[in-house]
Amino acid sequence: MGMGGAIAKGLNKKSFWDYYKELEELKENSARTILWRLQKKGLVDKRENQYFLTRLGSRFIKIFQEKNLEKQWDGKWRIVMFDIPEKMRKERNWLRFQLSNSKYKSLQESVYIGKYPLEEVLFEEIINRNLRHFIRLITLGEIDDESVLST
């Protein structure tokens, strides 16, 4: 079995987002469990009480990064605006983190702009967290000054 097959076989039970969910409510035992699972899949190795990525783990990250680089921009900008209540601050902060990780830039605290549509798994998580009715998505053809987005 090739490297790609080993990755697919080792990861098809849980996705990155499944592990991310577990990390959100992190407790010490949960972290050990997650690291143990990653170690069993061959993605991390433990040496002297420290964890390191294995070659398989590094390959997985490289494939994940390459997948994100392969996208061709269609010339349209995506704006995500949200108004999530203060009592849902944790969810609001989660969304900001996700948008930043998706290469969206903050124009204001609750307005982000990016070149690509939201990933399907992120959109599904937004729905699962009951945030959809707090969020507006807009697609634009052009902006007056794109230089503000290059920082």
N, C-alpha and C. Protein backbone atom coordinates (compact mmCIF):
# COMPACT_ATOMS: atom_id res chain seq x y z
N MET A 1 0.86 -1.18 0.00
CA MET A 1 0.00 0.00 0.00
C MET A 1 0.90 1.23 0.00
N GLY A 2 0.57 2.21 -0.86
CA GLY A 2 1.34 3.44 -0.95
C GLY A 2 1.06 4.36 0.21
N MET A 3 1.83 5.43 0.26
CA MET A 3 1.71 6.42 1.34
C MET A 3 0.30 7.00 1.40
N GLY A 4 -0.25 7.38 0.24
CA GLY A 4 -1.59 7.95 0.20
C GLY A 4 -2.65 6.99 0.70
N GLY A 5 -2.50 5.70 0.33
CA GLY A 5 -3.44 4.68 0.79
C GLY A 5 -3.39 4.50 2.29
N ALA A 6 -2.16 4.52 2.82
CA ALA A 6 -1.99 4.38 4.27
C ALA A 6 -2.64 5.54 5.00
N ILE A 7 -2.49 6.73 4.44
CA ILE A 7 -3.12 7.91 5.05
C ILE A 7 -4.63 7.76 5.03
N ALA A 8 -5.17 7.43 3.86
CA ALA A 8 -6.62 7.29 3.74
C ALA A 8 -7.15 6.21 4.67
N LYS A 9 -6.47 5.07 4.71
CA LYS A 9 -6.91 3.98 5.56
C LYS A 9 -6.85 4.37 7.04
N GLY A 10 -5.77 5.05 7.41
CA GLY A 10 -5.59 5.42 8.81
C GLY A 10 -6.51 6.53 9.26
N LEU A 11 -7.01 7.34 8.33
CA LEU A 11 -7.79 8.51 8.73
C LEU A 11 -9.27 8.45 8.37
N ASN A 12 -9.72 7.38 7.74
CA ASN A 12 -11.10 7.40 7.28
C ASN A 12 -12.13 7.23 8.38
N LYS A 13 -11.73 6.89 9.58
CA LYS A 13 -12.69 6.77 10.67
C LYS A 13 -13.04 8.12 11.27
N LYS A 14 -12.05 9.00 11.38
CA LYS A 14 -12.28 10.34 11.93
C LYS A 14 -11.56 11.35 11.07
N SER A 15 -12.19 12.47 10.87
CA SER A 15 -11.58 13.54 10.09
C SER A 15 -10.84 14.50 11.00
N PHE A 16 -10.11 15.41 10.42
CA PHE A 16 -9.43 16.48 11.14
C PHE A 16 -10.43 17.23 12.02
N TRP A 17 -11.62 17.51 11.47
CA TRP A 17 -12.61 18.29 12.21
C TRP A 17 -13.16 17.51 13.40
N ASP A 18 -13.20 16.18 13.29
CA ASP A 18 -13.63 15.37 14.43
C ASP A 18 -12.64 15.54 15.58
N TYR A 19 -11.34 15.49 15.25
CA TYR A 19 -10.33 15.68 16.29
C TYR A 19 -10.35 17.10 16.82
N TYR A 20 -10.60 18.07 15.94
CA TYR A 20 -10.66 19.47 16.38
C TYR A 20 -11.77 19.66 17.41
N LYS A 21 -12.94 19.04 17.14
CA LYS A 21 -14.04 19.13 18.09
C LYS A 21 -13.62 18.61 19.46
N GLU A 22 -12.90 17.49 19.47
CA GLU A 22 -12.46 16.92 20.74
C GLU A 22 -11.50 17.85 21.46
N LEU A 23 -10.68 18.56 20.71
CA LEU A 23 -9.70 19.46 21.32
C LEU A 23 -10.34 20.69 21.93
N GLU A 24 -11.52 21.08 21.44
CA GLU A 24 -12.17 22.28 21.95
C GLU A 24 -12.46 22.19 23.44
N GLU A 25 -12.92 21.07 23.88
CA GLU A 25 -13.27 20.88 25.29
C GLU A 25 -12.17 20.06 25.96
N LEU A 26 -10.96 20.46 25.71
CA LEU A 26 -9.79 19.69 26.08
C LEU A 26 -9.63 19.52 27.59
N LYS A 27 -9.44 18.30 27.97
CA LYS A 27 -9.04 17.95 29.33
C LYS A 27 -7.76 17.12 29.17
N GLU A 28 -7.00 17.02 30.21
CA GLU A 28 -5.71 16.32 30.12
C GLU A 28 -5.88 14.89 29.60
N ASN A 29 -6.86 14.16 30.11
CA ASN A 29 -7.06 12.79 29.66
C ASN A 29 -7.50 12.74 28.20
N SER A 30 -8.29 13.72 27.78
CA SER A 30 -8.72 13.77 26.39
C SER A 30 -7.52 13.99 25.47
N ALA A 31 -6.62 14.88 25.87
CA ALA A 31 -5.42 15.14 25.06
C ALA A 31 -4.60 13.87 24.93
N ARG A 32 -4.43 13.16 26.01
CA ARG A 32 -3.68 11.89 25.96
C ARG A 32 -4.36 10.90 25.02
N THR A 33 -5.67 10.83 25.08
CA THR A 33 -6.42 9.93 24.22
C THR A 33 -6.23 10.29 22.75
N ILE A 34 -6.35 11.57 22.44
CA ILE A 34 -6.18 12.02 21.05
C ILE A 34 -4.77 11.72 20.56
N LEU A 35 -3.77 12.04 21.38
CA LEU A 35 -2.39 11.77 20.99
C LEU A 35 -2.15 10.27 20.82
N TRP A 36 -2.74 9.48 21.69
CA TRP A 36 -2.61 8.02 21.58
C TRP A 36 -3.21 7.53 20.27
N ARG A 37 -4.39 8.07 19.90
CA ARG A 37 -5.02 7.69 18.63
C ARG A 37 -4.17 8.09 17.43
N LEU A 38 -3.62 9.30 17.47
CA LEU A 38 -2.74 9.75 16.38
C LEU A 38 -1.49 8.88 16.30
N GLN A 39 -0.99 8.47 17.46
CA GLN A 39 0.18 7.59 17.50
C GLN A 39 -0.16 6.22 16.91
N LYS A 40 -1.33 5.68 17.25
CA LYS A 40 -1.77 4.37 16.71
C LYS A 40 -1.91 4.43 15.19
N LYS A 41 -2.29 5.59 14.66
CA LYS A 41 -2.44 5.75 13.22
C LYS A 41 -1.11 6.01 12.53
N GLY A 42 -0.05 6.19 13.33
CA GLY A 42 1.27 6.42 12.76
C GLY A 42 1.54 7.85 12.37
N LEU A 43 0.72 8.78 12.86
CA LEU A 43 0.89 10.19 12.48
C LEU A 43 1.82 10.94 13.43
N VAL A 44 1.90 10.49 14.68
CA VAL A 44 2.83 11.08 15.65
C VAL A 44 3.61 9.96 16.33
N ASP A 45 4.74 10.32 16.89
CA ASP A 45 5.58 9.39 17.62
C ASP A 45 5.94 10.05 18.96
N LYS A 46 6.05 9.24 20.00
CA LYS A 46 6.38 9.77 21.32
C LYS A 46 7.80 9.35 21.67
N ARG A 47 8.61 10.38 22.02
CA ARG A 47 9.98 10.14 22.46
C ARG A 47 10.24 11.03 23.66
N GLU A 48 10.66 10.41 24.77
CA GLU A 48 11.00 11.14 25.99
C GLU A 48 9.89 12.13 26.40
N ASN A 49 8.66 11.64 26.46
CA ASN A 49 7.50 12.43 26.87
C ASN A 49 7.19 13.61 25.96
N GLN A 50 7.67 13.58 24.72
CA GLN A 50 7.34 14.60 23.73
C GLN A 50 6.82 13.91 22.49
N TYR A 51 5.89 14.58 21.83
CA TYR A 51 5.31 14.03 20.61
C TYR A 51 5.88 14.76 19.40
N PHE A 52 6.14 13.98 18.35
CA PHE A 52 6.68 14.50 17.10
C PHE A 52 5.88 13.94 15.94
N LEU A 53 5.78 14.71 14.88
CA LEU A 53 5.16 14.20 13.66
C LEU A 53 6.04 13.12 13.05
N THR A 54 5.43 12.05 12.58
CA THR A 54 6.17 11.04 11.84
C THR A 54 6.25 11.46 10.37
N ARG A 55 6.95 10.69 9.57
CA ARG A 55 6.98 11.00 8.14
C ARG A 55 5.58 10.90 7.55
N LEU A 56 4.81 9.93 8.01
CA LEU A 56 3.43 9.80 7.55
C LEU A 56 2.61 11.03 7.95
N GLY A 57 2.78 11.49 9.19
CA GLY A 57 2.08 12.68 9.66
C GLY A 57 2.48 13.91 8.87
N SER A 58 3.78 14.05 8.59
CA SER A 58 4.25 15.17 7.77
C SER A 58 3.68 15.10 6.37
N ARG A 59 3.61 13.89 5.83
CA ARG A 59 3.04 13.72 4.48
C ARG A 59 1.56 14.11 4.46
N PHE A 60 0.83 13.73 5.51
CA PHE A 60 -0.58 14.09 5.60
C PHE A 60 -0.75 15.60 5.60
N ILE A 61 0.07 16.29 6.38
CA ILE A 61 0.00 17.76 6.43
C ILE A 61 0.34 18.35 5.07
N LYS A 62 1.35 17.80 4.41
CA LYS A 62 1.75 18.30 3.09
C LYS A 62 0.61 18.12 2.08
N ILE A 63 -0.04 16.96 2.11
CA ILE A 63 -1.17 16.72 1.21
C ILE A 63 -2.29 17.71 1.50
N PHE A 64 -2.57 17.94 2.78
CA PHE A 64 -3.61 18.88 3.19
C PHE A 64 -3.28 20.28 2.69
N GLN A 65 -2.01 20.71 2.83
CA GLN A 65 -1.61 22.04 2.37
C GLN A 65 -1.66 22.14 0.86
N GLU A 66 -1.20 21.10 0.15
CA GLU A 66 -1.23 21.11 -1.31
C GLU A 66 -2.66 21.20 -1.83
N LYS A 67 -3.56 20.50 -1.17
CA LYS A 67 -4.97 20.54 -1.56
C LYS A 67 -5.48 21.97 -1.51
N ASN A 68 -5.09 22.70 -0.47
CA ASN A 68 -5.54 24.08 -0.33
C ASN A 68 -4.89 24.99 -1.36
N LEU A 69 -3.67 24.68 -1.82
CA LEU A 69 -2.98 25.52 -2.79
C LEU A 69 -3.48 25.29 -4.22
N GLU A 70 -4.11 24.14 -4.48
CA GLU A 70 -4.55 23.79 -5.83
C GLU A 70 -5.75 24.60 -6.31
N LYS A 71 -6.42 25.27 -5.43
CA LYS A 71 -7.62 26.00 -5.80
C LYS A 71 -7.31 27.12 -6.78
N GLN A 72 -8.13 27.25 -7.78
CA GLN A 72 -8.02 28.36 -8.72
C GLN A 72 -9.04 29.42 -8.30
N TRP A 73 -8.58 30.65 -8.17
CA TRP A 73 -9.46 31.72 -7.77
C TRP A 73 -10.34 32.12 -8.95
N ASP A 74 -11.63 32.27 -8.72
CA ASP A 74 -12.57 32.63 -9.77
C ASP A 74 -12.75 34.14 -9.92
N GLY A 75 -11.96 34.92 -9.19
CA GLY A 75 -12.03 36.38 -9.29
C GLY A 75 -13.12 37.01 -8.45
N LYS A 76 -13.84 36.20 -7.68
CA LYS A 76 -14.91 36.72 -6.83
C LYS A 76 -14.48 36.69 -5.38
N TRP A 77 -14.85 37.74 -4.67
CA TRP A 77 -14.55 37.86 -3.25
C TRP A 77 -15.74 37.38 -2.44
N ARG A 78 -15.48 36.75 -1.31
CA ARG A 78 -16.53 36.29 -0.41
C ARG A 78 -16.46 37.10 0.88
N ILE A 79 -17.58 37.64 1.28
CA ILE A 79 -17.66 38.37 2.54
C ILE A 79 -18.53 37.56 3.50
N VAL A 80 -18.03 37.39 4.71
CA VAL A 80 -18.79 36.73 5.77
C VAL A 80 -19.03 37.79 6.84
N MET A 81 -20.30 38.07 7.10
CA MET A 81 -20.67 39.02 8.15
C MET A 81 -21.47 38.25 9.20
N PHE A 82 -21.22 38.56 10.45
CA PHE A 82 -21.96 37.86 11.50
C PHE A 82 -22.26 38.78 12.66
N ASP A 83 -23.34 38.44 13.35
CA ASP A 83 -23.76 39.15 14.54
C ASP A 83 -24.20 38.09 15.55
N ILE A 84 -23.22 37.51 16.21
CA ILE A 84 -23.46 36.42 17.17
C ILE A 84 -23.57 37.03 18.56
N PRO A 85 -24.66 36.73 19.27
CA PRO A 85 -24.89 37.34 20.59
C PRO A 85 -23.75 37.11 21.57
N GLU A 86 -23.62 38.03 22.51
CA GLU A 86 -22.57 37.97 23.53
C GLU A 86 -22.64 36.67 24.33
N LYS A 87 -23.83 36.17 24.58
CA LYS A 87 -23.95 34.93 25.35
C LYS A 87 -23.37 33.73 24.61
N MET A 88 -23.07 33.92 23.31
CA MET A 88 -22.45 32.86 22.50
C MET A 88 -21.02 33.26 22.12
N ARG A 89 -20.35 33.94 23.01
CA ARG A 89 -19.00 34.45 22.75
C ARG A 89 -18.05 33.34 22.29
N LYS A 90 -18.12 32.18 22.92
CA LYS A 90 -17.24 31.05 22.57
C LYS A 90 -17.43 30.68 21.10
N GLU A 91 -18.67 30.65 20.64
CA GLU A 91 -18.96 30.31 19.25
C GLU A 91 -18.46 31.41 18.31
N ARG A 92 -18.62 32.64 18.72
CA ARG A 92 -18.16 33.79 17.93
C ARG A 92 -16.63 33.74 17.76
N ASN A 93 -15.93 33.48 18.85
CA ASN A 93 -14.48 33.37 18.79
C ASN A 93 -14.05 32.17 17.93
N TRP A 94 -14.79 31.08 18.04
CA TRP A 94 -14.51 29.90 17.20
C TRP A 94 -14.63 30.27 15.72
N LEU A 95 -15.69 31.00 15.36
CA LEU A 95 -15.90 31.38 13.96
C LEU A 95 -14.77 32.29 13.47
N ARG A 96 -14.37 33.25 14.28
CA ARG A 96 -13.25 34.12 13.89
C ARG A 96 -11.99 33.31 13.63
N PHE A 97 -11.72 32.36 14.50
CA PHE A 97 -10.54 31.49 14.35
C PHE A 97 -10.64 30.70 13.04
N GLN A 98 -11.81 30.13 12.78
CA GLN A 98 -12.00 29.34 11.56
C GLN A 98 -11.83 30.18 10.30
N LEU A 99 -12.38 31.39 10.31
CA LEU A 99 -12.26 32.27 9.14
C LEU A 99 -10.80 32.65 8.92
N SER A 100 -10.09 32.96 9.98
CA SER A 100 -8.66 33.28 9.85
C SER A 100 -7.88 32.10 9.30
N ASN A 101 -8.19 30.91 9.77
CA ASN A 101 -7.52 29.70 9.27
C ASN A 101 -7.88 29.41 7.82
N SER A 102 -9.00 29.92 7.37
CA SER A 102 -9.44 29.73 5.98
C SER A 102 -8.92 30.85 5.08
N LYS A 103 -7.96 31.61 5.59
CA LYS A 103 -7.32 32.70 4.86
C LYS A 103 -8.27 33.87 4.57
N TYR A 104 -9.26 34.03 5.42
CA TYR A 104 -10.12 35.21 5.35
C TYR A 104 -9.46 36.31 6.17
N LYS A 105 -9.57 37.55 5.69
CA LYS A 105 -9.01 38.71 6.38
C LYS A 105 -10.13 39.46 7.07
N SER A 106 -9.83 39.99 8.25
CA SER A 106 -10.80 40.75 9.00
C SER A 106 -10.85 42.19 8.49
N LEU A 107 -12.03 42.64 8.07
CA LEU A 107 -12.23 44.04 7.71
C LEU A 107 -12.71 44.82 8.92
N GLN A 108 -13.51 44.15 9.74
CA GLN A 108 -13.98 44.65 11.03
C GLN A 108 -14.12 43.42 11.92
N GLU A 109 -14.47 43.61 13.17
CA GLU A 109 -14.54 42.48 14.09
C GLU A 109 -15.50 41.39 13.62
N SER A 110 -16.55 41.77 12.94
CA SER A 110 -17.53 40.77 12.52
C SER A 110 -17.73 40.75 11.00
N VAL A 111 -16.73 41.21 10.27
CA VAL A 111 -16.77 41.20 8.80
C VAL A 111 -15.44 40.67 8.29
N TYR A 112 -15.49 39.55 7.57
CA TYR A 112 -14.28 38.93 7.02
C TYR A 112 -14.44 38.78 5.51
N ILE A 113 -13.31 38.81 4.80
CA ILE A 113 -13.33 38.68 3.35
C ILE A 113 -12.27 37.68 2.92
N GLY A 114 -12.62 36.88 1.92
CA GLY A 114 -11.68 35.89 1.39
C GLY A 114 -11.95 35.63 -0.08
N LYS A 115 -11.04 34.89 -0.69
CA LYS A 115 -11.13 34.61 -2.13
C LYS A 115 -11.95 33.35 -2.44
N TYR A 116 -12.08 32.46 -1.51
CA TYR A 116 -12.69 31.17 -1.80
C TYR A 116 -13.94 30.94 -0.95
N PRO A 117 -14.87 30.16 -1.48
CA PRO A 117 -16.06 29.82 -0.67
C PRO A 117 -15.63 29.07 0.59
N LEU A 118 -16.46 29.12 1.60
CA LEU A 118 -16.19 28.36 2.81
C LEU A 118 -16.15 26.87 2.48
N GLU A 119 -15.22 26.17 3.10
CA GLU A 119 -15.14 24.72 2.92
C GLU A 119 -16.45 24.10 3.39
N GLU A 120 -16.85 23.04 2.74
CA GLU A 120 -18.10 22.37 3.07
C GLU A 120 -18.14 21.91 4.53
N VAL A 121 -17.01 21.38 5.03
CA VAL A 121 -16.99 20.91 6.43
C VAL A 121 -17.16 22.07 7.40
N LEU A 122 -16.61 23.22 7.07
CA LEU A 122 -16.78 24.39 7.94
C LEU A 122 -18.24 24.86 7.91
N PHE A 123 -18.82 24.90 6.73
CA PHE A 123 -20.22 25.32 6.62
C PHE A 123 -21.13 24.35 7.38
N GLU A 124 -20.84 23.05 7.29
CA GLU A 124 -21.62 22.06 8.03
C GLU A 124 -21.49 22.27 9.53
N GLU A 125 -20.29 22.61 9.98
CA GLU A 125 -20.07 22.85 11.41
C GLU A 125 -20.81 24.10 11.86
N ILE A 126 -20.85 25.12 11.02
CA ILE A 126 -21.61 26.33 11.33
C ILE A 126 -23.09 25.97 11.54
N ILE A 127 -23.60 25.12 10.68
CA ILE A 127 -25.00 24.67 10.81
C ILE A 127 -25.17 23.84 12.08
N ASN A 128 -24.25 22.91 12.34
CA ASN A 128 -24.33 22.06 13.53
C ASN A 128 -24.28 22.87 14.82
N ARG A 129 -23.59 23.99 14.80
CA ARG A 129 -23.48 24.84 15.98
C ARG A 129 -24.62 25.86 16.07
N ASN A 130 -25.59 25.73 15.18
CA ASN A 130 -26.76 26.61 15.16
C ASN A 130 -26.37 28.09 15.00
N LEU A 131 -25.40 28.34 14.13
CA LEU A 131 -24.93 29.71 13.90
C LEU A 131 -25.41 30.28 12.57
N ARG A 132 -26.00 29.46 11.72
CA ARG A 132 -26.33 29.88 10.36
C ARG A 132 -27.19 31.15 10.33
N HIS A 133 -28.15 31.28 11.21
CA HIS A 133 -29.04 32.44 11.16
C HIS A 133 -28.39 33.71 11.70
N PHE A 134 -27.15 33.62 12.21
CA PHE A 134 -26.41 34.80 12.66
C PHE A 134 -25.41 35.29 11.61
N ILE A 135 -25.33 34.56 10.48
CA ILE A 135 -24.27 34.80 9.50
C ILE A 135 -24.86 35.13 8.14
N ARG A 136 -24.25 36.09 7.44
CA ARG A 136 -24.62 36.44 6.07
C ARG A 136 -23.39 36.25 5.19
N LEU A 137 -23.60 35.62 4.04
CA LEU A 137 -22.54 35.40 3.07
C LEU A 137 -22.84 36.20 1.81
N ILE A 138 -21.84 36.93 1.33
CA ILE A 138 -21.99 37.76 0.14
C ILE A 138 -20.85 37.46 -0.81
N THR A 139 -21.15 37.38 -2.11
CA THR A 139 -20.12 37.19 -3.13
C THR A 139 -20.06 38.44 -3.99
N LEU A 140 -18.84 38.99 -4.17
CA LEU A 140 -18.62 40.23 -4.92
C LEU A 140 -17.71 39.98 -6.12
N GLY A 141 -17.91 40.77 -7.17
CA GLY A 141 -17.07 40.68 -8.34
C GLY A 141 -15.79 41.48 -8.21
N GLU A 142 -15.85 42.63 -7.55
CA GLU A 142 -14.65 43.44 -7.41
C GLU A 142 -14.74 44.33 -6.18
N ILE A 143 -13.57 44.85 -5.76
CA ILE A 143 -13.46 45.75 -4.62
C ILE A 143 -12.71 46.99 -5.06
N ASP A 144 -13.01 48.12 -4.47
CA ASP A 144 -12.36 49.37 -4.89
C ASP A 144 -10.86 49.38 -4.60
N ASP A 145 -10.40 48.75 -3.52
CA ASP A 145 -8.98 48.79 -3.19
C ASP A 145 -8.55 47.44 -2.61
N GLU A 146 -8.09 46.54 -3.48
CA GLU A 146 -7.71 45.19 -3.04
C GLU A 146 -6.40 45.20 -2.25
N SER A 147 -5.67 46.29 -2.26
CA SER A 147 -4.38 46.33 -1.56
C SER A 147 -4.57 46.17 -0.05
N VAL A 148 -5.73 46.54 0.49
CA VAL A 148 -5.97 46.41 1.92
C VAL A 148 -6.02 44.94 2.34
N LEU A 149 -6.17 44.04 1.38
CA LEU A 149 -6.28 42.62 1.69
C LEU A 149 -4.95 41.89 1.57
N SER A 150 -3.92 42.54 1.12
CA SER A 150 -2.65 41.85 0.90
C SER A 150 -1.77 41.83 2.14
N THR A 151 -2.20 42.44 3.23
CA THR A 151 -1.39 42.44 4.45
C THR A 151 -1.62 41.20 5.26
